[in-house]
N, C-alpha and C. Protein backbone atom coordinates (compact mmCIF):
# COMPACT_ATOMS: atom_id res chain seq x y z
N UNK A 1 -11.12 -107.58 -68.39
CA UNK A 1 -12.06 -107.34 -67.32
C UNK A 1 -12.23 -105.82 -67.17
N UNK A 2 -13.46 -105.37 -67.26
CA UNK A 2 -13.71 -103.93 -67.13
C UNK A 2 -14.28 -103.63 -65.74
N UNK A 3 -13.92 -102.48 -65.28
CA UNK A 3 -14.41 -102.03 -63.98
C UNK A 3 -15.44 -100.93 -64.22
N UNK A 4 -16.61 -101.12 -63.67
CA UNK A 4 -17.66 -100.11 -63.81
C UNK A 4 -17.63 -99.24 -62.56
N UNK A 5 -17.44 -97.94 -62.78
CA UNK A 5 -17.44 -97.02 -61.65
C UNK A 5 -18.79 -96.35 -61.56
N UNK A 6 -19.31 -96.31 -60.37
CA UNK A 6 -20.59 -95.67 -60.15
C UNK A 6 -20.34 -94.23 -59.71
N UNK A 7 -20.98 -93.30 -60.39
CA UNK A 7 -20.85 -91.90 -60.01
C UNK A 7 -21.98 -91.55 -59.05
N UNK A 8 -21.62 -91.00 -57.93
CA UNK A 8 -22.59 -90.58 -56.94
C UNK A 8 -22.54 -89.05 -56.88
N UNK A 9 -23.66 -88.43 -57.11
CA UNK A 9 -23.70 -86.97 -57.09
C UNK A 9 -23.51 -86.46 -55.67
N UNK A 10 -22.66 -85.47 -55.54
CA UNK A 10 -22.48 -84.81 -54.26
C UNK A 10 -23.66 -83.87 -54.08
N UNK A 11 -24.29 -83.89 -52.94
CA UNK A 11 -25.49 -83.07 -52.76
C UNK A 11 -25.17 -81.59 -52.60
N UNK A 12 -26.21 -80.82 -52.61
CA UNK A 12 -26.12 -79.40 -52.26
C UNK A 12 -26.34 -79.30 -50.76
N UNK A 13 -25.71 -78.31 -50.16
CA UNK A 13 -25.86 -78.12 -48.73
C UNK A 13 -26.64 -76.83 -48.48
N UNK A 14 -27.56 -76.88 -47.55
CA UNK A 14 -28.47 -75.80 -47.23
C UNK A 14 -28.18 -75.44 -45.77
N UNK A 15 -27.47 -74.34 -45.53
CA UNK A 15 -27.00 -74.01 -44.18
C UNK A 15 -28.15 -73.69 -43.23
N UNK A 16 -27.84 -73.79 -41.93
CA UNK A 16 -28.83 -73.49 -40.90
C UNK A 16 -29.36 -72.07 -41.03
N UNK A 17 -28.46 -71.11 -41.29
CA UNK A 17 -28.88 -69.71 -41.38
C UNK A 17 -29.76 -69.48 -42.60
N UNK A 18 -29.49 -70.18 -43.71
CA UNK A 18 -30.33 -70.05 -44.91
C UNK A 18 -31.70 -70.66 -44.64
N UNK A 19 -31.74 -71.80 -43.99
CA UNK A 19 -33.01 -72.44 -43.65
C UNK A 19 -33.84 -71.52 -42.75
N UNK A 20 -33.20 -70.94 -41.74
CA UNK A 20 -33.90 -70.05 -40.81
C UNK A 20 -34.49 -68.85 -41.54
N UNK A 21 -33.73 -68.27 -42.48
CA UNK A 21 -34.22 -67.10 -43.22
C UNK A 21 -35.38 -67.48 -44.13
N UNK A 22 -35.29 -68.62 -44.80
CA UNK A 22 -36.38 -69.07 -45.67
C UNK A 22 -37.63 -69.27 -44.84
N UNK A 23 -37.52 -69.92 -43.69
CA UNK A 23 -38.68 -70.15 -42.84
C UNK A 23 -39.27 -68.82 -42.36
N UNK A 24 -38.41 -67.86 -42.04
CA UNK A 24 -38.88 -66.54 -41.62
C UNK A 24 -39.67 -65.85 -42.73
N UNK A 25 -39.16 -65.93 -43.96
CA UNK A 25 -39.83 -65.31 -45.09
C UNK A 25 -41.14 -66.02 -45.43
N UNK A 26 -41.17 -67.32 -45.27
CA UNK A 26 -42.42 -68.08 -45.49
C UNK A 26 -43.49 -67.60 -44.51
N UNK A 27 -43.09 -67.41 -43.25
CA UNK A 27 -44.04 -66.93 -42.24
C UNK A 27 -44.52 -65.52 -42.56
N UNK A 28 -43.59 -64.64 -42.98
CA UNK A 28 -43.96 -63.26 -43.32
C UNK A 28 -44.95 -63.21 -44.48
N UNK A 29 -44.72 -64.07 -45.48
CA UNK A 29 -45.59 -64.10 -46.67
C UNK A 29 -46.86 -64.91 -46.43
N UNK A 30 -46.89 -65.65 -45.34
CA UNK A 30 -48.02 -66.52 -45.02
C UNK A 30 -48.34 -67.48 -46.16
N UNK A 31 -47.26 -68.03 -46.77
CA UNK A 31 -47.41 -68.97 -47.88
C UNK A 31 -46.50 -70.17 -47.62
N UNK A 32 -47.02 -71.26 -47.06
CA UNK A 32 -46.20 -72.42 -46.73
C UNK A 32 -45.65 -73.14 -47.96
N UNK A 33 -46.10 -72.78 -49.18
CA UNK A 33 -45.61 -73.43 -50.39
C UNK A 33 -44.35 -72.78 -50.96
N UNK A 34 -43.89 -71.66 -50.38
CA UNK A 34 -42.71 -70.98 -50.92
C UNK A 34 -41.45 -71.82 -50.73
N UNK A 35 -40.62 -71.81 -51.78
CA UNK A 35 -39.34 -72.52 -51.76
C UNK A 35 -38.29 -71.57 -52.31
N UNK A 36 -37.07 -71.67 -51.80
CA UNK A 36 -35.98 -70.86 -52.31
C UNK A 36 -35.41 -71.54 -53.54
N UNK A 37 -35.33 -70.80 -54.65
CA UNK A 37 -34.75 -71.33 -55.88
C UNK A 37 -33.41 -70.64 -56.09
N UNK A 38 -32.37 -71.43 -56.32
CA UNK A 38 -31.06 -70.89 -56.69
C UNK A 38 -30.78 -71.33 -58.11
N UNK A 39 -30.23 -70.41 -58.92
CA UNK A 39 -29.97 -70.74 -60.32
C UNK A 39 -28.70 -70.05 -60.78
N UNK A 40 -28.19 -70.54 -61.88
CA UNK A 40 -26.97 -70.01 -62.49
C UNK A 40 -27.34 -69.50 -63.87
N UNK A 41 -26.89 -68.29 -64.19
CA UNK A 41 -27.11 -67.73 -65.52
C UNK A 41 -25.78 -67.23 -66.07
N UNK A 42 -25.70 -67.09 -67.38
CA UNK A 42 -24.52 -66.51 -67.99
C UNK A 42 -24.48 -65.02 -67.72
N UNK A 43 -23.28 -64.49 -67.56
CA UNK A 43 -23.14 -63.06 -67.34
C UNK A 43 -22.27 -62.77 -66.14
N UNK A 44 -22.28 -61.52 -65.74
CA UNK A 44 -21.43 -61.12 -64.62
C UNK A 44 -20.00 -60.96 -65.10
N UNK A 45 -19.15 -60.42 -64.26
CA UNK A 45 -17.78 -60.12 -64.68
C UNK A 45 -16.91 -61.37 -64.76
N UNK A 46 -17.37 -62.51 -64.24
CA UNK A 46 -16.56 -63.73 -64.29
C UNK A 46 -17.16 -64.82 -65.17
N UNK A 47 -18.24 -64.53 -65.88
CA UNK A 47 -18.79 -65.51 -66.82
C UNK A 47 -20.14 -66.09 -66.43
N UNK A 48 -20.33 -66.41 -65.16
CA UNK A 48 -21.60 -66.93 -64.65
C UNK A 48 -22.00 -66.12 -63.44
N UNK A 49 -23.29 -66.08 -63.17
CA UNK A 49 -23.72 -65.43 -61.93
C UNK A 49 -24.84 -66.23 -61.28
N UNK A 50 -24.92 -66.08 -59.96
CA UNK A 50 -25.95 -66.76 -59.17
C UNK A 50 -27.19 -65.89 -59.11
N UNK A 51 -28.33 -66.54 -59.02
CA UNK A 51 -29.58 -65.84 -58.81
C UNK A 51 -30.41 -66.58 -57.78
N UNK A 52 -31.25 -65.83 -57.09
CA UNK A 52 -32.13 -66.41 -56.09
C UNK A 52 -33.53 -65.85 -56.31
N UNK A 53 -34.52 -66.70 -56.11
CA UNK A 53 -35.91 -66.25 -56.18
C UNK A 53 -36.73 -67.17 -55.28
N UNK A 54 -37.95 -66.74 -55.00
CA UNK A 54 -38.87 -67.60 -54.28
C UNK A 54 -39.89 -68.12 -55.26
N UNK A 55 -40.20 -69.39 -55.14
CA UNK A 55 -41.07 -70.08 -56.08
C UNK A 55 -42.07 -70.89 -55.27
N UNK A 56 -43.32 -70.88 -55.70
CA UNK A 56 -44.30 -71.70 -54.99
C UNK A 56 -44.66 -72.97 -55.74
N UNK A 57 -43.90 -73.25 -56.80
CA UNK A 57 -44.12 -74.51 -57.51
C UNK A 57 -42.78 -75.15 -57.86
N UNK A 58 -42.77 -76.46 -57.82
CA UNK A 58 -41.58 -77.23 -58.13
C UNK A 58 -41.77 -77.90 -59.48
N UNK A 59 -40.78 -77.75 -60.36
CA UNK A 59 -40.84 -78.40 -61.67
C UNK A 59 -40.45 -79.87 -61.51
N UNK A 60 -40.90 -80.69 -62.43
CA UNK A 60 -40.67 -82.13 -62.37
C UNK A 60 -39.18 -82.48 -62.35
N UNK A 61 -38.35 -81.71 -63.08
CA UNK A 61 -36.93 -82.03 -63.17
C UNK A 61 -36.05 -81.24 -62.19
N UNK A 62 -36.66 -80.50 -61.26
CA UNK A 62 -35.90 -79.78 -60.23
C UNK A 62 -35.29 -80.75 -59.23
N UNK A 63 -34.14 -80.38 -58.71
CA UNK A 63 -33.57 -81.06 -57.55
C UNK A 63 -34.06 -80.29 -56.34
N UNK A 64 -34.58 -80.99 -55.36
CA UNK A 64 -35.09 -80.35 -54.15
C UNK A 64 -34.27 -80.83 -52.95
N UNK A 65 -33.81 -79.86 -52.17
CA UNK A 65 -33.09 -80.16 -50.93
C UNK A 65 -33.97 -79.66 -49.80
N UNK A 66 -34.36 -80.57 -48.91
CA UNK A 66 -35.24 -80.19 -47.81
C UNK A 66 -34.48 -80.29 -46.50
N UNK A 67 -34.70 -79.28 -45.66
CA UNK A 67 -34.08 -79.29 -44.34
C UNK A 67 -34.97 -78.50 -43.38
N UNK A 68 -35.35 -79.14 -42.30
CA UNK A 68 -36.09 -78.50 -41.21
C UNK A 68 -37.29 -77.68 -41.68
N UNK A 69 -38.03 -78.18 -42.65
CA UNK A 69 -39.25 -77.51 -43.09
C UNK A 69 -39.05 -76.47 -44.18
N UNK A 70 -37.83 -76.33 -44.70
CA UNK A 70 -37.56 -75.40 -45.80
C UNK A 70 -37.06 -76.20 -46.99
N UNK A 71 -37.36 -75.70 -48.21
CA UNK A 71 -36.96 -76.41 -49.42
C UNK A 71 -36.16 -75.50 -50.33
N UNK A 72 -35.09 -76.04 -50.86
CA UNK A 72 -34.23 -75.37 -51.84
C UNK A 72 -34.43 -76.07 -53.17
N UNK A 73 -34.69 -75.32 -54.24
CA UNK A 73 -34.89 -75.89 -55.58
C UNK A 73 -33.76 -75.47 -56.51
N UNK A 74 -33.34 -76.40 -57.37
CA UNK A 74 -32.32 -76.11 -58.38
C UNK A 74 -32.72 -76.81 -59.67
N UNK A 75 -32.70 -76.06 -60.78
CA UNK A 75 -33.01 -76.65 -62.07
C UNK A 75 -31.82 -77.49 -62.55
N UNK A 76 -32.04 -78.41 -63.50
CA UNK A 76 -30.97 -79.32 -63.94
C UNK A 76 -29.74 -78.61 -64.53
N UNK A 77 -29.93 -77.54 -65.29
CA UNK A 77 -28.80 -76.84 -65.88
C UNK A 77 -27.93 -76.22 -64.79
N UNK A 78 -28.56 -75.61 -63.80
CA UNK A 78 -27.82 -74.96 -62.72
C UNK A 78 -27.16 -75.97 -61.80
N UNK A 79 -27.80 -77.11 -61.60
CA UNK A 79 -27.30 -78.12 -60.67
C UNK A 79 -25.87 -78.54 -60.99
N UNK A 80 -25.56 -78.69 -62.28
CA UNK A 80 -24.22 -79.15 -62.67
C UNK A 80 -23.13 -78.19 -62.19
N UNK A 81 -23.46 -76.91 -62.04
CA UNK A 81 -22.48 -75.92 -61.56
C UNK A 81 -22.47 -75.80 -60.04
N UNK A 82 -23.47 -76.37 -59.39
CA UNK A 82 -23.63 -76.19 -57.95
C UNK A 82 -23.39 -77.45 -57.12
N UNK A 83 -23.03 -78.55 -57.75
CA UNK A 83 -22.79 -79.80 -57.02
C UNK A 83 -21.71 -79.56 -55.97
N UNK A 84 -22.04 -79.88 -54.74
CA UNK A 84 -21.09 -79.72 -53.64
C UNK A 84 -21.10 -78.34 -53.00
N UNK A 85 -21.90 -77.41 -53.51
CA UNK A 85 -21.93 -76.05 -53.00
C UNK A 85 -22.80 -75.95 -51.74
N UNK A 86 -22.55 -74.91 -50.96
CA UNK A 86 -23.36 -74.61 -49.79
C UNK A 86 -24.13 -73.31 -50.05
N UNK A 87 -25.42 -73.36 -49.84
CA UNK A 87 -26.26 -72.17 -49.93
C UNK A 87 -26.39 -71.64 -48.51
N UNK A 88 -25.96 -70.40 -48.31
CA UNK A 88 -25.90 -69.82 -46.98
C UNK A 88 -26.62 -68.48 -46.96
N UNK A 89 -26.88 -67.97 -45.78
CA UNK A 89 -27.44 -66.63 -45.62
C UNK A 89 -26.52 -65.89 -44.67
N UNK A 90 -26.05 -64.73 -45.10
CA UNK A 90 -25.10 -63.97 -44.29
C UNK A 90 -25.58 -62.54 -44.09
N UNK A 91 -25.30 -62.03 -42.91
CA UNK A 91 -25.57 -60.63 -42.60
C UNK A 91 -24.23 -59.98 -42.29
N UNK A 92 -23.97 -58.83 -42.93
CA UNK A 92 -22.70 -58.16 -42.71
C UNK A 92 -22.78 -56.70 -43.06
N UNK A 93 -21.64 -56.07 -43.19
CA UNK A 93 -21.57 -54.64 -43.49
C UNK A 93 -22.19 -54.29 -44.83
N UNK A 94 -22.14 -55.21 -45.77
CA UNK A 94 -22.70 -54.96 -47.10
C UNK A 94 -24.17 -55.34 -47.19
N UNK A 95 -24.77 -55.69 -46.07
CA UNK A 95 -26.18 -56.05 -46.05
C UNK A 95 -26.38 -57.53 -45.82
N UNK A 96 -27.61 -57.94 -45.94
CA UNK A 96 -27.99 -59.34 -45.74
C UNK A 96 -28.31 -59.96 -47.08
N UNK A 97 -27.82 -61.20 -47.28
CA UNK A 97 -28.06 -61.84 -48.56
C UNK A 97 -27.82 -63.35 -48.51
N UNK A 98 -28.47 -64.04 -49.43
CA UNK A 98 -28.16 -65.44 -49.65
C UNK A 98 -26.87 -65.47 -50.47
N UNK A 99 -25.98 -66.40 -50.14
CA UNK A 99 -24.72 -66.53 -50.86
C UNK A 99 -24.45 -67.99 -51.18
N UNK A 100 -23.61 -68.21 -52.19
CA UNK A 100 -23.22 -69.56 -52.59
C UNK A 100 -21.74 -69.73 -52.32
N UNK A 101 -21.41 -70.74 -51.56
CA UNK A 101 -20.01 -71.12 -51.34
C UNK A 101 -19.77 -72.32 -52.24
N UNK A 102 -19.11 -72.07 -53.38
CA UNK A 102 -19.04 -73.06 -54.44
C UNK A 102 -17.60 -73.57 -54.62
N UNK A 103 -17.34 -74.84 -54.29
CA UNK A 103 -15.99 -75.39 -54.46
C UNK A 103 -15.61 -75.58 -55.93
N UNK A 104 -16.58 -75.50 -56.84
CA UNK A 104 -16.31 -75.68 -58.27
C UNK A 104 -15.82 -74.40 -58.93
N UNK A 105 -16.03 -73.27 -58.31
CA UNK A 105 -15.64 -71.98 -58.91
C UNK A 105 -14.12 -71.83 -58.87
N UNK A 106 -13.54 -71.53 -60.02
CA UNK A 106 -12.09 -71.32 -60.09
C UNK A 106 -11.74 -69.86 -59.87
N UNK A 107 -12.70 -68.97 -60.07
CA UNK A 107 -12.49 -67.55 -59.83
C UNK A 107 -13.84 -66.92 -59.50
N UNK A 108 -13.81 -65.91 -58.65
CA UNK A 108 -15.01 -65.16 -58.33
C UNK A 108 -14.69 -63.68 -58.42
N UNK A 109 -15.73 -62.88 -58.51
CA UNK A 109 -15.52 -61.43 -58.54
C UNK A 109 -15.63 -60.87 -57.13
N UNK A 110 -15.35 -59.61 -56.99
CA UNK A 110 -15.37 -58.98 -55.68
C UNK A 110 -16.73 -58.99 -55.01
N UNK A 111 -17.81 -58.94 -55.79
CA UNK A 111 -19.15 -58.90 -55.19
C UNK A 111 -19.60 -60.28 -54.73
N UNK A 112 -18.97 -61.33 -55.24
CA UNK A 112 -19.31 -62.69 -54.82
C UNK A 112 -20.49 -63.30 -55.56
N UNK A 113 -21.12 -62.56 -56.46
CA UNK A 113 -22.27 -63.13 -57.16
C UNK A 113 -21.91 -63.62 -58.55
N UNK A 114 -20.67 -63.46 -58.96
CA UNK A 114 -20.22 -63.89 -60.27
C UNK A 114 -19.05 -64.84 -60.12
N UNK A 115 -18.96 -65.84 -61.00
CA UNK A 115 -17.88 -66.84 -60.86
C UNK A 115 -17.56 -67.44 -62.21
N UNK A 116 -16.43 -68.15 -62.26
CA UNK A 116 -16.08 -68.92 -63.46
C UNK A 116 -15.69 -70.32 -63.04
N UNK A 117 -15.77 -71.24 -63.98
CA UNK A 117 -15.45 -72.65 -63.73
C UNK A 117 -14.22 -73.01 -64.55
């Protein structure tokens, strides 16, 4: 007798502060189609690094997370590294920025934009 296990993907989390900042930027740009895109690329001092951009189009294979009128997009390659992560927006001594709180990262660098799995 075999047991079939169903894998359920853990979603991405889009924090309140990140949603508020995206909505603010959408209003400033006067473009309601803007979406925040988060992606992972090779490089950085720990092997991978996070990137953020604004995109006004969604690709067919993107994962979209919607919250309170704001949308977060992630491409399929990046999604595998970001499952369970929280996309946040923080203001501090080093400035204001979108950040990723990633439970999958085994190491990060001092700047917080580079990580390893």
